[in-house]
Amino acid sequence: MSHLNLPPDAFRRWDETPDARFYSLPRFVTHIDAGAIAAVTQLYREYFPPGGDILDVCSSWVSHLPEEVTYRQVTGIGMNAAELAANPRLTAWFVHDLNANPVLPLADASFDAAGLCVSIDYLTDPVAVLRDIGRVLRPGGPLVVTFSNRCFPTKAIAIWLMLDDAGRCRLVAEFFQAAGVWDDIHTLDRSSGTGDPLYAVIGRRR
């Protein structure tokens, strides 16, 4: 993380117990409100190719994909098997702890697009994760990282809790830059003005 000019403590959490324990019980809830979810869905509508191979990173029981769009496959990676099994949009899924191992058990250049929804703040080595997501995307494939101002504070990295929304947008863009495999990195504010804000940082696989 030295290339980010951040100390290692920036990526520590209040609760450093194994993440598998924290996520052992399923949570069949959404972590942003309906307006913010609609904004995520619209981003996926804009950036994910219909009929494509989609990767849902840090997935759960819902993927927020547009209902009217069909994809060839949607693969979910998450922390709770019951949540993943209940997700009707997933054609394949597996449990994998990205904080224990940021390398995805997936083939190079096997997906057309990827989403990472309201979870970037929990990754202890986000640069390594974004780099490996790039590995499994085909050239030009987008990664859409979305986030709000809500989180489980005990599991969020310290630097996330110290920043305001604008600072978090800059931080995620820096993660993309540091990963070294993304072009056309840009930040969007898709907040509705009421309810939960919704921000996105998007890059395309070099």
Protein backbone atom coordinates (compact mmCIF):
# COMPACT_ATOMS: atom_id res chain seq x y z
CA MET A 1 0.00 0.00 0.00
CA SER A 2 3.05 2.29 0.14
CA HIS A 3 2.30 3.65 -3.36
CA LEU A 4 -0.90 5.13 -1.88
CA ASN A 5 1.16 7.06 0.69
CA LEU A 6 -1.06 5.69 3.44
CA PRO A 7 0.20 3.96 6.59
CA PRO A 8 -0.75 0.31 7.19
CA ASP A 9 -3.00 1.42 10.06
CA ALA A 10 -5.24 3.09 7.48
CA PHE A 11 -6.50 -0.38 6.54
CA ARG A 12 -7.10 -1.71 10.03
CA ARG A 13 -10.59 -2.24 11.46
CA TRP A 14 -11.99 -1.90 14.96
CA ASP A 15 -13.01 -5.55 14.74
CA GLU A 16 -10.12 -7.66 13.44
CA THR A 17 -11.74 -11.00 14.26
CA PRO A 18 -12.08 -13.32 11.21
CA ASP A 19 -14.56 -11.95 8.69
CA ALA A 20 -16.00 -15.44 8.18
CA ARG A 21 -17.34 -15.25 11.74
CA PHE A 22 -18.93 -11.84 11.20
CA TYR A 23 -20.68 -13.01 8.03
CA SER A 24 -21.61 -16.49 9.28
CA LEU A 25 -25.26 -15.56 9.82
CA PRO A 26 -27.19 -14.48 6.72
CA ARG A 27 -28.52 -10.92 6.59
CA PHE A 28 -31.50 -10.77 4.26
CA VAL A 29 -31.60 -6.98 4.29
CA THR A 30 -30.50 -4.24 1.93
CA HIS A 31 -27.80 -1.85 3.10
CA ILE A 32 -28.94 1.22 1.13
CA ASP A 33 -32.44 2.61 0.58
CA ALA A 34 -34.67 2.17 -2.46
CA GLY A 35 -33.49 5.36 -4.16
CA ALA A 36 -29.83 4.42 -3.89
CA ILE A 37 -30.59 0.88 -5.08
CA ALA A 38 -32.36 2.32 -8.12
CA ALA A 39 -29.25 4.39 -8.86
CA VAL A 40 -27.06 1.26 -8.71
CA THR A 41 -29.45 -0.55 -11.06
CA GLN A 42 -29.35 2.34 -13.51
CA LEU A 43 -25.55 2.29 -13.54
CA TYR A 44 -25.60 -1.42 -14.31
CA ARG A 45 -28.13 -0.72 -17.08
CA GLU A 46 -25.71 1.82 -18.57
CA TYR A 47 -22.43 -0.07 -18.17
CA PHE A 48 -23.17 -3.82 -18.26
CA PRO A 49 -23.62 -5.30 -21.76
CA PRO A 50 -26.86 -7.27 -22.26
CA GLY A 51 -26.09 -10.91 -22.91
CA GLY A 52 -22.68 -10.53 -21.28
CA ASP A 53 -20.81 -12.42 -18.59
CA ILE A 54 -21.17 -10.45 -15.35
CA LEU A 55 -19.20 -10.76 -12.09
CA ASP A 56 -20.90 -9.60 -8.87
CA VAL A 57 -18.12 -9.10 -6.30
CA CYS A 58 -19.10 -9.11 -2.61
CA SER A 59 -22.50 -10.39 -3.65
CA SER A 60 -25.40 -11.33 -1.38
CA TRP A 61 -29.05 -12.31 -1.79
CA VAL A 62 -29.73 -9.49 -4.26
CA SER A 63 -27.57 -8.12 -7.09
CA HIS A 64 -29.54 -4.97 -8.06
CA LEU A 65 -29.34 -5.90 -11.76
CA PRO A 66 -32.04 -4.48 -14.06
CA GLU A 67 -34.90 -6.97 -14.23
CA GLU A 68 -35.55 -6.42 -17.92
CA VAL A 69 -31.99 -7.26 -19.01
CA THR A 70 -30.81 -10.83 -19.61
CA TYR A 71 -27.15 -11.77 -19.18
CA ARG A 72 -25.42 -14.93 -20.35
CA GLN A 73 -24.14 -15.63 -16.87
CA VAL A 74 -23.95 -13.82 -13.55
CA THR A 75 -21.34 -15.14 -11.14
CA GLY A 76 -21.47 -14.04 -7.52
CA ILE A 77 -18.67 -14.06 -4.99
CA GLY A 78 -19.58 -13.38 -1.38
CA MET A 79 -19.19 -14.34 2.26
CA ASN A 80 -22.45 -16.14 3.10
CA ALA A 81 -23.62 -19.26 1.29
CA ALA A 82 -27.27 -18.90 2.31
CA GLU A 83 -27.44 -15.36 0.94
CA LEU A 84 -25.78 -16.35 -2.34
CA ALA A 85 -28.01 -19.41 -2.76
CA ALA A 86 -31.08 -17.18 -2.36
CA ASN A 87 -30.00 -14.74 -5.11
CA PRO A 88 -32.21 -15.45 -8.16
CA ARG A 89 -29.94 -13.64 -10.62
CA LEU A 90 -26.83 -15.72 -9.97
CA THR A 91 -26.09 -18.55 -12.40
CA ALA A 92 -23.02 -19.53 -10.34
CA TRP A 93 -21.66 -18.48 -6.97
CA PHE A 94 -18.97 -19.27 -4.46
CA VAL A 95 -17.91 -18.20 -0.98
CA HIS A 96 -14.53 -16.49 -0.93
CA ASP A 97 -12.94 -14.18 1.65
CA LEU A 98 -11.16 -11.43 -0.29
CA ASN A 99 -9.48 -10.13 2.87
CA ALA A 100 -7.90 -13.55 3.42
CA ASN A 101 -7.02 -13.99 -0.26
CA PRO A 102 -7.53 -11.20 -2.81
CA VAL A 103 -7.01 -13.57 -5.75
CA LEU A 104 -10.25 -14.72 -7.35
CA PRO A 105 -10.47 -18.43 -8.31
CA LEU A 106 -11.50 -17.45 -11.83
CA ALA A 107 -9.88 -17.61 -15.25
CA ASP A 108 -8.21 -14.62 -16.90
CA ALA A 109 -10.40 -12.47 -19.18
CA SER A 110 -13.57 -14.47 -18.49
CA PHE A 111 -16.05 -11.63 -17.77
CA ASP A 112 -17.39 -8.64 -19.67
CA ALA A 113 -18.18 -6.44 -16.64
CA ALA A 114 -18.08 -6.45 -12.84
CA GLY A 115 -19.85 -4.69 -10.00
CA LEU A 116 -18.77 -4.14 -6.40
CA CYS A 117 -21.67 -2.65 -4.45
CA VAL A 118 -21.34 -0.98 -1.01
CA SER A 119 -18.40 -3.19 0.01
CA ILE A 120 -15.17 -1.43 -1.00
CA ASP A 121 -14.96 0.03 2.52
CA TYR A 122 -14.54 -3.45 4.05
CA LEU A 123 -11.56 -4.55 1.92
CA THR A 124 -8.23 -4.50 3.77
CA ASP A 125 -6.21 -4.66 0.52
CA PRO A 126 -8.53 -3.00 -1.99
CA VAL A 127 -5.77 -2.33 -4.51
CA ALA A 128 -4.95 -6.04 -4.77
CA VAL A 129 -8.65 -6.90 -5.14
CA LEU A 130 -9.20 -4.30 -7.88
CA ARG A 131 -6.10 -5.52 -9.68
CA ASP A 132 -7.35 -9.10 -9.67
CA ILE A 133 -10.83 -8.10 -10.79
CA GLY A 134 -9.03 -6.50 -13.72
CA ARG A 135 -7.32 -9.81 -14.44
CA VAL A 136 -10.62 -11.65 -14.86
CA LEU A 137 -12.23 -8.94 -17.03
CA ARG A 138 -11.86 -8.78 -20.79
CA PRO A 139 -10.13 -5.68 -22.22
CA GLY A 140 -12.40 -2.66 -22.04
CA GLY A 141 -14.70 -4.30 -19.50
CA PRO A 142 -16.04 -1.92 -16.84
CA LEU A 143 -15.84 -2.28 -13.08
CA VAL A 144 -18.58 -0.28 -11.33
CA VAL A 145 -17.78 0.35 -7.65
CA THR A 146 -20.69 1.92 -5.76
CA PHE A 147 -20.90 3.16 -2.19
CA SER A 148 -22.92 5.38 0.13
CA ASN A 149 -22.39 6.86 3.58
CA ARG A 150 -23.63 3.79 5.49
CA CYS A 151 -21.51 0.87 6.68
CA PHE A 152 -20.79 -1.53 9.51
CA PRO A 153 -18.29 0.76 11.26
CA THR A 154 -16.57 -2.04 13.17
CA LYS A 155 -15.60 -3.73 9.88
CA ALA A 156 -14.84 -0.67 7.74
CA ILE A 157 -11.22 0.29 7.23
CA ALA A 158 -10.01 3.17 9.40
CA ILE A 159 -9.31 5.60 6.55
CA TRP A 160 -12.90 5.22 5.31
CA LEU A 161 -14.31 6.32 8.66
CA MET A 162 -12.02 9.37 8.71
CA LEU A 163 -13.13 10.78 5.34
CA ASP A 164 -16.21 12.61 4.12
CA ASP A 165 -18.07 11.53 0.97
CA ALA A 166 -15.86 13.57 -1.37
CA GLY A 167 -12.74 12.15 0.26
CA ARG A 168 -14.07 8.61 -0.16
CA CYS A 169 -14.65 9.22 -3.86
CA ARG A 170 -11.06 10.38 -4.23
CA LEU A 171 -9.80 7.41 -2.21
CA VAL A 172 -11.59 4.83 -4.39
CA ALA A 173 -10.27 6.54 -7.52
CA GLU A 174 -6.78 6.26 -6.02
CA PHE A 175 -7.36 2.52 -5.46
CA PHE A 176 -8.14 2.17 -9.18
CA GLN A 177 -5.05 4.16 -10.17
CA ALA A 178 -2.77 2.20 -7.84
CA ALA A 179 -4.04 -1.13 -9.21
CA GLY A 180 -2.39 -0.19 -12.51
CA VAL A 181 -4.81 -2.01 -14.84
CA TRP A 182 -7.62 0.53 -15.30
CA ASP A 183 -8.24 3.31 -17.81
CA ASP A 184 -11.03 5.89 -18.13
CA ILE A 185 -11.38 6.13 -14.34
CA HIS A 186 -14.20 8.50 -13.44
CA THR A 187 -16.41 9.35 -10.48
CA LEU A 188 -20.17 9.88 -10.56
CA ASP A 189 -22.58 11.26 -7.98
CA ARG A 190 -25.94 9.58 -8.57
CA SER A 191 -27.53 10.75 -5.32
CA SER A 192 -31.21 11.62 -5.61
CA GLY A 193 -31.01 14.49 -3.12
CA THR A 194 -33.20 12.65 -0.63
CA GLY A 195 -32.37 9.51 1.29
CA ASP A 196 -29.03 7.73 1.02
CA PRO A 197 -26.44 9.26 -1.30
CA LEU A 198 -24.97 7.03 -4.01
CA TYR A 199 -21.51 7.46 -5.51
CA ALA A 200 -19.70 5.42 -8.12
CA VAL A 201 -16.13 5.11 -9.32
CA ILE A 202 -15.82 3.31 -12.63
CA GLY A 203 -12.84 2.13 -14.62
CA ARG A 204 -12.33 0.07 -17.76
CA ARG A 205 -9.89 -2.81 -18.04
CA ARG A 206 -6.77 -1.66 -19.86
